Amino acid sequence: MPDAYYYTIGDESGKFIGNTVEALIPYKPIKIKTGGAAAWEIINSNGCRYLFDEGEYSSTTNSSHNYIIGTYTSAWYLTGIISPNNHTIMYQYQSDGQYQKRINTQVVS
């Protein structure tokens, strides 16, 4: 069964199925591009681009033997917004060992 992914961009939210975006639920006139499992780009109906290419990682642990079985990306952080006029906002995050925190927002005209 393919994975389900949830997104929120601006005031829109939804769900898509599969790494190759097999279905949008509910359907919306947006485009979702993948950069493999490491990056996503969502383009809304107004042409605004939302870039997600920094991940949050989680581990699966064997509870009976207490060792890590594997690590996977459990969420992606918004790293940039590019308007149709190429106005850009970029975000940077820093990890404190527990949480990712936004440390910088840069606006480029």
N, C-alpha and C. Protein backbone atom coordinates (compact mmCIF):
# COMPACT_ATOMS: atom_id res chain seq x y z
N MET A 1 0.84 -1.17 0.00
CA MET A 1 0.00 0.00 0.00
C MET A 1 0.89 1.24 0.00
N PRO A 2 0.61 2.22 -0.86
CA PRO A 2 1.44 3.43 -0.92
C PRO A 2 1.29 4.29 0.33
N ASP A 3 2.32 5.10 0.59
CA ASP A 3 2.29 6.01 1.73
C ASP A 3 1.32 7.16 1.48
N ALA A 4 0.78 7.71 2.56
CA ALA A 4 -0.07 8.90 2.49
C ALA A 4 0.71 10.06 3.10
N TYR A 5 0.67 11.22 2.44
CA TYR A 5 1.38 12.41 2.89
C TYR A 5 0.36 13.53 3.08
N TYR A 6 0.53 14.32 4.12
CA TYR A 6 -0.35 15.45 4.41
C TYR A 6 0.45 16.73 4.25
N TYR A 7 -0.19 17.77 3.75
CA TYR A 7 0.50 19.04 3.54
C TYR A 7 -0.39 20.21 3.96
N THR A 8 0.26 21.30 4.31
CA THR A 8 -0.40 22.58 4.56
C THR A 8 0.47 23.64 3.92
N ILE A 9 -0.11 24.42 3.01
CA ILE A 9 0.58 25.53 2.37
C ILE A 9 -0.34 26.73 2.41
N GLY A 10 0.10 27.80 3.06
CA GLY A 10 -0.78 28.95 3.19
C GLY A 10 -2.06 28.54 3.88
N ASP A 11 -3.19 28.82 3.24
CA ASP A 11 -4.48 28.44 3.83
C ASP A 11 -5.05 27.17 3.21
N GLU A 12 -4.23 26.44 2.47
CA GLU A 12 -4.68 25.19 1.84
C GLU A 12 -4.05 23.99 2.56
N SER A 13 -4.79 22.92 2.59
CA SER A 13 -4.23 21.68 3.12
C SER A 13 -4.89 20.51 2.40
N GLY A 14 -4.24 19.38 2.47
CA GLY A 14 -4.78 18.20 1.82
C GLY A 14 -3.88 17.01 2.04
N LYS A 15 -4.09 16.02 1.23
CA LYS A 15 -3.38 14.75 1.37
C LYS A 15 -3.08 14.25 -0.03
N PHE A 16 -1.92 13.63 -0.19
CA PHE A 16 -1.65 12.94 -1.46
C PHE A 16 -1.11 11.56 -1.17
N ILE A 17 -1.34 10.69 -2.12
CA ILE A 17 -1.00 9.28 -1.96
C ILE A 17 0.17 8.94 -2.88
N GLY A 18 1.17 8.28 -2.32
CA GLY A 18 2.28 7.76 -3.09
C GLY A 18 3.38 8.76 -3.36
N ASN A 19 4.61 8.26 -3.50
CA ASN A 19 5.76 9.11 -3.80
C ASN A 19 5.66 9.75 -5.17
N THR A 20 4.87 9.18 -6.05
CA THR A 20 4.69 9.74 -7.39
C THR A 20 3.37 10.49 -7.51
N VAL A 21 2.78 10.84 -6.39
CA VAL A 21 1.53 11.60 -6.30
C VAL A 21 0.45 10.96 -7.18
N GLU A 22 0.02 9.80 -6.75
CA GLU A 22 -0.99 9.04 -7.49
C GLU A 22 -2.39 9.62 -7.32
N ALA A 23 -2.63 10.34 -6.22
CA ALA A 23 -3.96 10.92 -5.98
C ALA A 23 -3.85 12.09 -5.02
N LEU A 24 -4.65 13.13 -5.25
CA LEU A 24 -4.79 14.26 -4.33
C LEU A 24 -6.16 14.17 -3.68
N ILE A 25 -6.21 14.30 -2.35
CA ILE A 25 -7.48 14.17 -1.65
C ILE A 25 -7.65 15.39 -0.73
N PRO A 26 -8.64 16.25 -0.88
CA PRO A 26 -9.52 16.32 -2.04
C PRO A 26 -8.74 16.86 -3.23
N TYR A 27 -9.28 16.65 -4.43
CA TYR A 27 -8.61 17.16 -5.62
C TYR A 27 -8.49 18.68 -5.54
N LYS A 28 -7.32 19.19 -5.88
CA LYS A 28 -7.07 20.63 -5.98
C LYS A 28 -6.18 20.86 -7.18
N PRO A 29 -6.30 22.02 -7.81
CA PRO A 29 -5.48 22.30 -8.99
C PRO A 29 -4.06 22.74 -8.60
N ILE A 30 -3.33 21.85 -7.94
CA ILE A 30 -1.96 22.13 -7.55
C ILE A 30 -1.05 21.11 -8.21
N LYS A 31 0.24 21.41 -8.22
CA LYS A 31 1.24 20.46 -8.73
C LYS A 31 2.16 20.10 -7.59
N ILE A 32 2.49 18.84 -7.51
CA ILE A 32 3.44 18.37 -6.50
C ILE A 32 4.57 17.68 -7.24
N LYS A 33 5.79 18.18 -7.03
CA LYS A 33 6.97 17.59 -7.65
C LYS A 33 7.82 16.97 -6.55
N THR A 34 8.38 15.82 -6.82
CA THR A 34 9.24 15.19 -5.83
C THR A 34 10.68 15.26 -6.29
N GLY A 35 11.55 15.37 -5.32
CA GLY A 35 12.99 15.29 -5.56
C GLY A 35 13.49 14.03 -4.89
N GLY A 36 12.84 12.94 -5.14
CA GLY A 36 13.13 11.70 -4.42
C GLY A 36 12.45 11.78 -3.07
N ALA A 37 12.96 11.05 -2.11
CA ALA A 37 12.37 11.08 -0.77
C ALA A 37 12.91 12.26 0.03
N ALA A 38 13.84 13.02 -0.53
CA ALA A 38 14.50 14.08 0.24
C ALA A 38 13.92 15.47 0.02
N ALA A 39 13.08 15.68 -0.98
CA ALA A 39 12.60 17.03 -1.25
C ALA A 39 11.25 16.99 -1.97
N TRP A 40 10.46 18.04 -1.71
CA TRP A 40 9.16 18.20 -2.34
C TRP A 40 9.00 19.65 -2.76
N GLU A 41 8.27 19.87 -3.82
CA GLU A 41 7.88 21.21 -4.23
C GLU A 41 6.39 21.17 -4.53
N ILE A 42 5.63 22.08 -3.92
CA ILE A 42 4.20 22.17 -4.17
C ILE A 42 3.94 23.53 -4.80
N ILE A 43 3.25 23.53 -5.93
CA ILE A 43 2.91 24.77 -6.63
C ILE A 43 1.40 24.92 -6.56
N ASN A 44 0.95 26.01 -5.91
CA ASN A 44 -0.49 26.17 -5.75
C ASN A 44 -1.12 26.73 -7.03
N SER A 45 -2.43 26.92 -7.02
CA SER A 45 -3.14 27.36 -8.22
C SER A 45 -2.78 28.78 -8.63
N ASN A 46 -2.20 29.56 -7.72
CA ASN A 46 -1.76 30.93 -8.06
C ASN A 46 -0.33 30.97 -8.58
N GLY A 47 0.35 29.82 -8.63
CA GLY A 47 1.71 29.75 -9.12
C GLY A 47 2.77 29.98 -8.06
N CYS A 48 2.37 30.05 -6.81
CA CYS A 48 3.31 30.21 -5.70
C CYS A 48 3.95 28.85 -5.41
N ARG A 49 5.28 28.83 -5.30
CA ARG A 49 6.01 27.58 -5.09
C ARG A 49 6.42 27.47 -3.62
N TYR A 50 6.16 26.32 -3.04
CA TYR A 50 6.53 26.02 -1.65
C TYR A 50 7.57 24.90 -1.69
N LEU A 51 8.74 25.15 -1.13
CA LEU A 51 9.84 24.19 -1.17
C LEU A 51 10.01 23.52 0.19
N PHE A 52 10.08 22.22 0.17
CA PHE A 52 10.28 21.42 1.38
C PHE A 52 11.48 20.52 1.12
N ASP A 53 12.64 20.88 1.63
CA ASP A 53 13.79 20.01 1.37
C ASP A 53 14.70 19.81 2.59
N GLU A 54 14.13 20.04 3.77
CA GLU A 54 14.84 19.70 5.00
C GLU A 54 13.95 18.81 5.83
N GLY A 55 14.46 17.66 6.18
CA GLY A 55 13.62 16.67 6.84
C GLY A 55 13.81 16.59 8.34
N GLU A 56 12.80 16.04 8.97
CA GLU A 56 12.88 15.66 10.38
C GLU A 56 12.95 14.14 10.38
N TYR A 57 13.87 13.59 11.13
CA TYR A 57 14.11 12.16 11.07
C TYR A 57 13.65 11.47 12.34
N SER A 58 13.08 10.30 12.19
CA SER A 58 12.64 9.48 13.30
C SER A 58 13.26 8.10 13.16
N SER A 59 13.30 7.39 14.25
CA SER A 59 13.89 6.05 14.24
C SER A 59 12.87 5.02 14.67
N THR A 60 13.02 3.84 14.12
CA THR A 60 12.23 2.69 14.54
C THR A 60 13.13 1.85 15.43
N THR A 61 12.64 1.52 16.60
CA THR A 61 13.45 0.79 17.58
C THR A 61 12.84 -0.57 17.86
N ASN A 62 13.68 -1.57 17.99
CA ASN A 62 13.24 -2.89 18.43
C ASN A 62 13.07 -2.82 19.94
N SER A 63 11.83 -2.88 20.39
CA SER A 63 11.56 -2.68 21.82
C SER A 63 12.11 -3.80 22.71
N SER A 64 12.16 -5.01 22.21
CA SER A 64 12.63 -6.10 23.06
C SER A 64 14.15 -6.12 23.20
N HIS A 65 14.87 -5.59 22.19
CA HIS A 65 16.33 -5.59 22.25
C HIS A 65 16.90 -4.18 22.33
N ASN A 66 16.03 -3.17 22.27
CA ASN A 66 16.39 -1.77 22.42
C ASN A 66 17.51 -1.32 21.48
N TYR A 67 17.36 -1.59 20.20
CA TYR A 67 18.30 -1.08 19.21
C TYR A 67 17.51 -0.50 18.03
N ILE A 68 18.16 0.42 17.33
CA ILE A 68 17.50 1.10 16.21
C ILE A 68 17.48 0.19 14.99
N ILE A 69 16.30 -0.01 14.44
CA ILE A 69 16.13 -0.84 13.24
C ILE A 69 16.38 0.00 12.00
N GLY A 70 15.89 1.23 12.00
CA GLY A 70 16.07 2.09 10.84
C GLY A 70 15.66 3.52 11.14
N THR A 71 16.08 4.42 10.27
CA THR A 71 15.74 5.83 10.38
C THR A 71 15.00 6.23 9.12
N TYR A 72 14.00 7.10 9.27
CA TYR A 72 13.22 7.54 8.13
C TYR A 72 12.85 9.01 8.30
N THR A 73 12.50 9.67 7.20
CA THR A 73 12.04 11.05 7.24
C THR A 73 10.57 11.03 7.63
N SER A 74 10.25 11.68 8.75
CA SER A 74 8.87 11.67 9.24
C SER A 74 8.14 12.98 8.94
N ALA A 75 8.88 14.03 8.57
CA ALA A 75 8.27 15.32 8.22
C ALA A 75 9.29 16.12 7.41
N TRP A 76 8.79 17.05 6.63
CA TRP A 76 9.65 17.95 5.88
C TRP A 76 9.33 19.37 6.30
N TYR A 77 10.37 20.19 6.44
CA TYR A 77 10.19 21.58 6.83
C TYR A 77 10.13 22.47 5.60
N LEU A 78 9.30 23.50 5.69
CA LEU A 78 9.22 24.51 4.63
C LEU A 78 10.54 25.27 4.62
N THR A 79 11.24 25.25 3.49
CA THR A 79 12.53 25.94 3.39
C THR A 79 12.47 27.14 2.47
N GLY A 80 11.41 27.27 1.69
CA GLY A 80 11.32 28.45 0.82
C GLY A 80 9.94 28.62 0.22
N ILE A 81 9.61 29.87 -0.04
CA ILE A 81 8.39 30.23 -0.77
C ILE A 81 8.80 31.17 -1.87
N ILE A 82 8.40 30.87 -3.10
CA ILE A 82 8.74 31.71 -4.26
C ILE A 82 7.45 32.11 -4.95
N SER A 83 7.23 33.42 -5.01
CA SER A 83 6.00 33.93 -5.64
C SER A 83 6.12 33.83 -7.15
N PRO A 84 5.00 33.99 -7.87
CA PRO A 84 5.07 33.99 -9.33
C PRO A 84 5.95 35.12 -9.88
N ASN A 85 6.16 36.18 -9.09
CA ASN A 85 7.04 37.30 -9.49
C ASN A 85 8.48 37.09 -9.03
N ASN A 86 8.79 35.89 -8.55
CA ASN A 86 10.11 35.51 -8.05
C ASN A 86 10.53 36.22 -6.78
N HIS A 87 9.58 36.76 -6.00
CA HIS A 87 9.90 37.22 -4.65
C HIS A 87 10.07 35.96 -3.82
N THR A 88 11.12 35.93 -3.01
CA THR A 88 11.50 34.70 -2.33
C THR A 88 11.64 34.90 -0.83
N ILE A 89 11.15 33.96 -0.08
CA ILE A 89 11.39 33.89 1.37
C ILE A 89 12.05 32.54 1.62
N MET A 90 13.21 32.56 2.28
CA MET A 90 13.93 31.33 2.59
C MET A 90 13.97 31.15 4.11
N TYR A 91 13.85 29.93 4.57
CA TYR A 91 13.87 29.62 5.99
C TYR A 91 15.05 28.71 6.29
N GLN A 92 15.67 28.92 7.44
CA GLN A 92 16.73 28.04 7.92
C GLN A 92 16.32 27.53 9.29
N TYR A 93 16.70 26.30 9.59
CA TYR A 93 16.34 25.67 10.85
C TYR A 93 17.59 25.16 11.56
N GLN A 94 17.47 25.06 12.87
CA GLN A 94 18.57 24.54 13.68
C GLN A 94 18.01 23.51 14.64
N SER A 95 18.73 22.46 14.85
CA SER A 95 18.28 21.42 15.76
C SER A 95 18.92 21.62 17.13
N ASP A 96 18.13 21.48 18.18
CA ASP A 96 18.69 21.55 19.53
C ASP A 96 18.76 20.15 20.14
N GLY A 97 18.65 19.14 19.30
CA GLY A 97 18.69 17.76 19.77
C GLY A 97 17.30 17.17 19.97
N GLN A 98 16.31 18.02 20.20
CA GLN A 98 14.94 17.57 20.38
C GLN A 98 14.02 18.12 19.29
N TYR A 99 14.18 19.38 18.98
CA TYR A 99 13.28 20.05 18.04
C TYR A 99 14.07 20.83 17.00
N GLN A 100 13.44 21.04 15.86
CA GLN A 100 13.98 21.94 14.86
C GLN A 100 13.40 23.31 15.14
N LYS A 101 14.21 24.35 15.11
CA LYS A 101 13.73 25.71 15.33
C LYS A 101 14.10 26.58 14.14
N ARG A 102 13.16 27.42 13.71
CA ARG A 102 13.47 28.34 12.63
C ARG A 102 14.39 29.41 13.20
N ILE A 103 15.58 29.58 12.60
CA ILE A 103 16.55 30.54 13.12
C ILE A 103 16.72 31.75 12.20
N ASN A 104 16.25 31.65 10.97
CA ASN A 104 16.48 32.76 10.05
C ASN A 104 15.41 32.75 8.98
N THR A 105 14.94 33.93 8.65
CA THR A 105 14.04 34.11 7.53
C THR A 105 14.66 35.19 6.65
N GLN A 106 14.86 34.89 5.40
CA GLN A 106 15.48 35.84 4.48
C GLN A 106 14.51 36.13 3.36
N VAL A 107 14.25 37.42 3.11
CA VAL A 107 13.38 37.83 2.03
C VAL A 107 14.25 38.39 0.92
N VAL A 108 14.11 37.84 -0.28
CA VAL A 108 14.90 38.26 -1.43
C VAL A 108 13.92 38.77 -2.48
N SER A 109 14.13 39.98 -2.95
CA SER A 109 13.24 40.53 -3.98
C SER A 109 13.84 40.35 -5.35
